[in-house]
Amino acid sequence: MHAFASRIVSLCAAVLGTACADGQPPREDAATSAAVASVAAESVAVARMSAHFAAPQGFSATTLEARAAWFTDSLRALLRADFGDGSSIGVLNWDPFTEAQDDAAGFTHTSTRWANDTALVEFAIRFDSTYAPGSATTVTLALTLEQAEWRIADFLSRGRSLATSIRSSSPTPTP
């Protein structure tokens, strides 16, 4: 079993087992809510990365539309504005899931932390020898709940926010 899947099973068993030990329905408390939210956000982030790596890598207007439900309304609008009509290159000229223009060899979930209501799910991205032997970078998916689903609200890497970069480069106000 994948280490992350094993962690989910263990955490869910611990949370539900403890909550149901007295034969009563699970009680909602802060610790249980936080644990469930963390597992849910991590699960979505890992699933998004896995799906991205299973398909040909790269990110374009076509990719955005095919995966529109993955993103918050705000990030989706920013990305659409950045792609524009395709006549020029916007801010995003790389794959935000890998922080590169070249294909990555794989990823590892490294941590999850919280900033208010946003789950920051961090991944180490590995590249093979054709890119740079043994090189790696870190990409953080910032997920928030929107319409009762965890959605990507931003990509963070190398000390920058993709959403902020697009907003600051736009000649007209964007969401």
C-alpha atoms as a PDB file:
ATOM      1  CA  MET A   1       0.000   0.000   0.000  1.00  0.00           C
ATOM      2  CA  HIS A   2       1.301   3.468  -0.865  1.00  0.00           C
ATOM      3  CA  ALA A   3       2.620   5.241   2.251  1.00  0.00           C
ATOM      4  CA  PHE A   4       0.132   8.083   1.861  1.00  0.00           C
ATOM      5  CA  ALA A   5      -2.818   5.688   1.499  1.00  0.00           C
ATOM      6  CA  SER A   6      -1.642   3.830   4.591  1.00  0.00           C
ATOM      7  CA  ARG A   7      -1.543   7.136   6.495  1.00  0.00           C
ATOM      8  CA  ILE A   8      -5.117   7.924   5.440  1.00  0.00           C
ATOM      9  CA  VAL A   9      -6.357   4.497   6.543  1.00  0.00           C
ATOM     10  CA  SER A  10      -4.552   4.789   9.897  1.00  0.00           C
ATOM     11  CA  LEU A  11      -5.773   8.311  10.563  1.00  0.00           C
ATOM     12  CA  CYS A  12      -9.366   7.502   9.618  1.00  0.00           C
ATOM     13  CA  ALA A  13      -9.324   4.366  11.777  1.00  0.00           C
ATOM     14  CA  ALA A  14      -7.896   6.319  14.707  1.00  0.00           C
ATOM     15  CA  VAL A  15     -10.385   9.165  14.348  1.00  0.00           C
ATOM     16  CA  LEU A  16     -13.439   6.980  13.760  1.00  0.00           C
ATOM     17  CA  GLY A  17     -12.376   4.225  16.156  1.00  0.00           C
ATOM     18  CA  THR A  18     -11.907   6.645  19.040  1.00  0.00           C
ATOM     19  CA  ALA A  19     -15.053   8.576  18.214  1.00  0.00           C
ATOM     20  CA  CYS A  20     -17.181   5.414  18.013  1.00  0.00           C
ATOM     21  CA  ALA A  21     -15.662   3.430  20.912  1.00  0.00           C
ATOM     22  CA  ASP A  22     -18.653   4.159  23.169  1.00  0.00           C
ATOM     23  CA  GLY A  23     -21.170   2.969  20.551  1.00  0.00           C
ATOM     24  CA  GLN A  24     -22.399   6.496  19.910  1.00  0.00           C
ATOM     25  CA  PRO A  25     -22.168   8.332  16.569  1.00  0.00           C
ATOM     26  CA  PRO A  26     -18.880  10.168  16.002  1.00  0.00           C
ATOM     27  CA  ARG A  27     -18.656  13.463  17.853  1.00  0.00           C
ATOM     28  CA  GLU A  28     -17.629  16.570  15.954  1.00  0.00           C
ATOM     29  CA  ASP A  29     -14.769  18.292  17.735  1.00  0.00           C
ATOM     30  CA  ALA A  30     -11.957  20.576  16.606  1.00  0.00           C
ATOM     31  CA  ALA A  31      -9.335  17.822  16.516  1.00  0.00           C
ATOM     32  CA  THR A  32     -11.551  15.477  14.494  1.00  0.00           C
ATOM     33  CA  SER A  33     -12.544  18.250  12.082  1.00  0.00           C
ATOM     34  CA  ALA A  34      -8.914  19.289  11.568  1.00  0.00           C
ATOM     35  CA  ALA A  35      -7.786  15.700  11.008  1.00  0.00           C
ATOM     36  CA  VAL A  36     -10.558  15.011   8.506  1.00  0.00           C
ATOM     37  CA  ALA A  37      -9.907  18.292   6.663  1.00  0.00           C
ATOM     38  CA  SER A  38      -6.185  17.562   6.481  1.00  0.00           C
ATOM     39  CA  VAL A  39      -6.730  14.058   5.106  1.00  0.00           C
ATOM     40  CA  ALA A  40      -9.311  15.326   2.606  1.00  0.00           C
ATOM     41  CA  ALA A  41      -7.121  18.172   1.313  1.00  0.00           C
ATOM     42  CA  GLU A  42      -4.046  15.944   1.071  1.00  0.00           C
ATOM     43  CA  SER A  43      -6.057  13.252  -0.729  1.00  0.00           C
ATOM     44  CA  VAL A  44      -7.297  15.715  -3.338  1.00  0.00           C
ATOM     45  CA  ALA A  45      -3.840  17.238  -3.842  1.00  0.00           C
ATOM     46  CA  VAL A  46      -2.196  13.818  -4.256  1.00  0.00           C
ATOM     47  CA  ALA A  47      -4.972  12.730  -6.634  1.00  0.00           C
ATOM     48  CA  ARG A  48      -4.486  15.881  -8.753  1.00  0.00           C
ATOM     49  CA  MET A  49      -0.720  15.360  -8.918  1.00  0.00           C
ATOM     50  CA  SER A  50      -1.176  11.656  -9.743  1.00  0.00           C
ATOM     51  CA  ALA A  51      -3.620  12.447 -12.555  1.00  0.00           C
ATOM     52  CA  HIS A  52      -1.311  15.139 -13.900  1.00  0.00           C
ATOM     53  CA  PHE A  53       1.659  12.755 -13.951  1.00  0.00           C
ATOM     54  CA  ALA A  54      -0.436   9.959 -15.527  1.00  0.00           C
ATOM     55  CA  ALA A  55      -1.258  12.139 -18.543  1.00  0.00           C
ATOM     56  CA  PRO A  56       1.237  13.849 -20.827  1.00  0.00           C
ATOM     57  CA  GLN A  57       2.723  16.669 -18.768  1.00  0.00           C
ATOM     58  CA  GLY A  58       2.473  20.291 -19.737  1.00  0.00           C
ATOM     59  CA  PHE A  59      -0.135  22.936 -19.110  1.00  0.00           C
ATOM     60  CA  SER A  60      -2.103  24.881 -21.697  1.00  0.00           C
ATOM     61  CA  ALA A  61      -5.496  26.480 -22.193  1.00  0.00           C
ATOM     62  CA  THR A  62      -6.734  23.058 -23.324  1.00  0.00           C
ATOM     63  CA  THR A  63      -5.423  21.419 -20.130  1.00  0.00           C
ATOM     64  CA  LEU A  64      -7.050  24.147 -18.048  1.00  0.00           C
ATOM     65  CA  GLU A  65     -10.457  23.609 -19.640  1.00  0.00           C
ATOM     66  CA  ALA A  66     -10.218  19.823 -19.341  1.00  0.00           C
ATOM     67  CA  ARG A  67      -9.431  20.166 -15.630  1.00  0.00           C
ATOM     68  CA  ALA A  68     -11.517  23.270 -14.892  1.00  0.00           C
ATOM     69  CA  ALA A  69     -13.192  21.651 -11.861  1.00  0.00           C
ATOM     70  CA  TRP A  70      -9.782  21.254 -10.190  1.00  0.00           C
ATOM     71  CA  PHE A  71      -9.402  25.022  -9.712  1.00  0.00           C
ATOM     72  CA  THR A  72     -11.203  27.696  -7.720  1.00  0.00           C
ATOM     73  CA  ASP A  73     -13.281  30.119  -9.759  1.00  0.00           C
ATOM     74  CA  SER A  74     -10.727  32.849  -9.064  1.00  0.00           C
ATOM     75  CA  LEU A  75      -7.646  30.880 -10.169  1.00  0.00           C
ATOM     76  CA  ARG A  76      -9.465  29.526 -13.221  1.00  0.00           C
ATOM     77  CA  ALA A  77     -10.374  33.106 -14.267  1.00  0.00           C
ATOM     78  CA  LEU A  78      -6.776  34.262 -13.744  1.00  0.00           C
ATOM     79  CA  LEU A  79      -5.378  31.393 -15.808  1.00  0.00           C
ATOM     80  CA  ARG A  80      -7.900  31.978 -18.600  1.00  0.00           C
ATOM     81  CA  ALA A  81      -6.965  35.673 -18.669  1.00  0.00           C
ATOM     82  CA  ASP A  82      -3.264  34.799 -18.714  1.00  0.00           C
ATOM     83  CA  PHE A  83      -3.715  32.403 -21.655  1.00  0.00           C
ATOM     84  CA  GLY A  84      -5.789  35.052 -23.437  1.00  0.00           C
ATOM     85  CA  ASP A  85      -6.403  34.421 -27.117  1.00  0.00           C
ATOM     86  CA  GLY A  86      -3.102  32.577 -27.519  1.00  0.00           C
ATOM     87  CA  SER A  87      -1.449  35.332 -29.548  1.00  0.00           C
ATOM     88  CA  SER A  88       1.141  36.027 -26.852  1.00  0.00           C
ATOM     89  CA  ILE A  89       2.822  34.278 -23.963  1.00  0.00           C
ATOM     90  CA  GLY A  90       1.491  35.231 -20.556  1.00  0.00           C
ATOM     91  CA  VAL A  91       3.104  34.816 -17.159  1.00  0.00           C
ATOM     92  CA  LEU A  92       2.564  31.050 -17.162  1.00  0.00           C
ATOM     93  CA  ASN A  93       4.971  29.552 -19.676  1.00  0.00           C
ATOM     94  CA  TRP A  94       5.728  26.406 -17.678  1.00  0.00           C
ATOM     95  CA  ASP A  95       3.836  23.543 -16.093  1.00  0.00           C
ATOM     96  CA  PRO A  96       2.699  24.804 -12.664  1.00  0.00           C
ATOM     97  CA  PHE A  97       2.456  21.237 -11.350  1.00  0.00           C
ATOM     98  CA  THR A  98       6.195  20.712 -11.933  1.00  0.00           C
ATOM     99  CA  GLU A  99       7.582  24.278 -12.061  1.00  0.00           C
ATOM    100  CA  ALA A 100       9.332  23.346 -15.311  1.00  0.00           C
ATOM    101  CA  GLN A 101       8.979  23.240 -19.065  1.00  0.00           C
ATOM    102  CA  ASP A 102      10.476  19.749 -19.165  1.00  0.00           C
ATOM    103  CA  ASP A 103       8.715  16.584 -18.056  1.00  0.00           C
ATOM    104  CA  ALA A 104       9.359  15.550 -14.460  1.00  0.00           C
ATOM    105  CA  ALA A 105      10.160  11.982 -13.449  1.00  0.00           C
ATOM    106  CA  GLY A 106       7.970  11.863 -10.358  1.00  0.00           C
ATOM    107  CA  PHE A 107       6.781  13.495  -7.161  1.00  0.00           C
ATOM    108  CA  THR A 108       6.626  12.842  -3.437  1.00  0.00           C
ATOM    109  CA  HIS A 109       4.183  14.411  -0.987  1.00  0.00           C
ATOM    110  CA  THR A 110       6.413  15.968   1.676  1.00  0.00           C
ATOM    111  CA  SER A 111       4.147  17.924   4.026  1.00  0.00           C
ATOM    112  CA  THR A 112       0.854  19.651   4.638  1.00  0.00           C
ATOM    113  CA  ARG A 113       0.487  22.812   6.651  1.00  0.00           C
ATOM    114  CA  TRP A 114      -2.296  25.324   7.101  1.00  0.00           C
ATOM    115  CA  ALA A 115      -2.638  29.058   6.527  1.00  0.00           C
ATOM    116  CA  ASN A 116      -6.047  29.970   7.880  1.00  0.00           C
ATOM    117  CA  ASP A 117      -8.576  27.996   5.763  1.00  0.00           C
ATOM    118  CA  THR A 118      -6.034  27.050   3.083  1.00  0.00           C
ATOM    119  CA  ALA A 119      -4.257  23.696   3.016  1.00  0.00           C
ATOM    120  CA  LEU A 120      -0.710  24.063   1.697  1.00  0.00           C
ATOM    121  CA  VAL A 121       0.207  20.635   0.335  1.00  0.00           C
ATOM    122  CA  GLU A 122       3.879  20.427  -0.604  1.00  0.00           C
ATOM    123  CA  PHE A 123       5.487  18.108  -3.124  1.00  0.00           C
ATOM    124  CA  ALA A 124       9.090  17.394  -4.069  1.00  0.00           C
ATOM    125  CA  ILE A 125       9.286  17.147  -7.867  1.00  0.00           C
ATOM    126  CA  ARG A 126      12.067  14.923  -9.274  1.00  0.00           C
ATOM    127  CA  PHE A 127      13.646  15.167 -12.701  1.00  0.00           C
ATOM    128  CA  ASP A 128      15.548  12.512 -14.613  1.00  0.00           C
ATOM    129  CA  SER A 129      19.017  12.756 -16.120  1.00  0.00           C
ATOM    130  CA  THR A 130      17.883  14.450 -19.343  1.00  0.00           C
ATOM    131  CA  TYR A 131      16.829  17.551 -17.391  1.00  0.00           C
ATOM    132  CA  ALA A 132      19.438  17.792 -14.663  1.00  0.00           C
ATOM    133  CA  PRO A 133      20.706  14.655 -12.929  1.00  0.00           C
ATOM    134  CA  GLY A 134      19.271  14.358  -9.449  1.00  0.00           C
ATOM    135  CA  SER A 135      17.640  17.769  -9.514  1.00  0.00           C
ATOM    136  CA  ALA A 136      14.415  18.497  -7.696  1.00  0.00           C
ATOM    137  CA  THR A 137      12.163  21.405  -6.952  1.00  0.00           C
ATOM    138  CA  THR A 138       9.291  21.999  -4.575  1.00  0.00           C
ATOM    139  CA  VAL A 139       5.740  22.847  -5.606  1.00  0.00           C
ATOM    140  CA  THR A 140       2.992  23.636  -3.118  1.00  0.00           C
ATOM    141  CA  LEU A 141      -0.657  23.353  -4.059  1.00  0.00           C
ATOM    142  CA  ALA A 142      -2.766  25.801  -2.048  1.00  0.00           C
ATOM    143  CA  LEU A 143      -6.239  24.279  -1.696  1.00  0.00           C
ATOM    144  CA  THR A 144      -9.396  25.861  -0.342  1.00  0.00           C
ATOM    145  CA  LEU A 145     -12.934  24.606   0.005  1.00  0.00           C
ATOM    146  CA  GLU A 146     -15.177  25.974  -2.717  1.00  0.00           C
ATOM    147  CA  GLN A 147     -18.666  24.645  -3.367  1.00  0.00           C
ATOM    148  CA  ALA A 148     -17.964  21.913  -0.763  1.00  0.00           C
ATOM    149  CA  GLU A 149     -14.918  20.602  -2.688  1.00  0.00           C
ATOM    150  CA  TRP A 150     -11.186  21.067  -2.207  1.00  0.00           C
ATOM    151  CA  ARG A 151      -9.903  23.056  -5.178  1.00  0.00           C
ATOM    152  CA  ILE A 152      -6.531  24.455  -6.161  1.00  0.00           C
ATOM    153  CA  ALA A 153      -6.467  28.173  -5.363  1.00  0.00           C
ATOM    154  CA  ASP A 154      -2.787  28.778  -6.139  1.00  0.00           C
ATOM    155  CA  PHE A 155       0.570  27.234  -6.997  1.00  0.00           C
ATOM    156  CA  LEU A 156       3.495  28.274  -4.794  1.00  0.00           C
ATOM    157  CA  SER A 157       7.114  27.690  -5.738  1.00  0.00           C
ATOM    158  CA  ARG A 158      10.472  29.411  -5.440  1.00  0.00           C
ATOM    159  CA  GLY A 159       9.031  32.007  -3.113  1.00  0.00           C
ATOM    160  CA  ARG A 160       6.319  33.135  -5.493  1.00  0.00           C
ATOM    161  CA  SER A 161       2.592  32.758  -5.937  1.00  0.00           C
ATOM    162  CA  LEU A 162       1.385  32.078  -9.472  1.00  0.00           C
ATOM    163  CA  ALA A 163      -1.912  33.908  -8.821  1.00  0.00           C
ATOM    164  CA  THR A 164      -0.096  36.994  -7.500  1.00  0.00           C
ATOM    165  CA  SER A 165       2.320  36.954 -10.445  1.00  0.00           C
ATOM    166  CA  ILE A 166      -0.549  36.889 -12.945  1.00  0.00           C
ATOM    167  CA  ARG A 167      -2.471  39.599 -11.088  1.00  0.00           C
ATOM    168  CA  SER A 168       0.563  41.892 -10.906  1.00  0.00           C
ATOM    169  CA  SER A 169       1.387  41.517 -14.615  1.00  0.00           C
ATOM    170  CA  SER A 170      -2.122  42.176 -15.876  1.00  0.00           C
ATOM    171  CA  PRO A 171      -2.728  45.611 -17.422  1.00  0.00           C
ATOM    172  CA  THR A 172      -6.368  45.406 -16.328  1.00  0.00           C
ATOM    173  CA  PRO A 173      -7.704  44.296 -12.931  1.00  0.00           C
ATOM    174  CA  THR A 174      -8.268  40.554 -12.696  1.00  0.00           C
ATOM    175  CA  PRO A 175     -10.071  38.521 -10.016  1.00  0.00           C
END
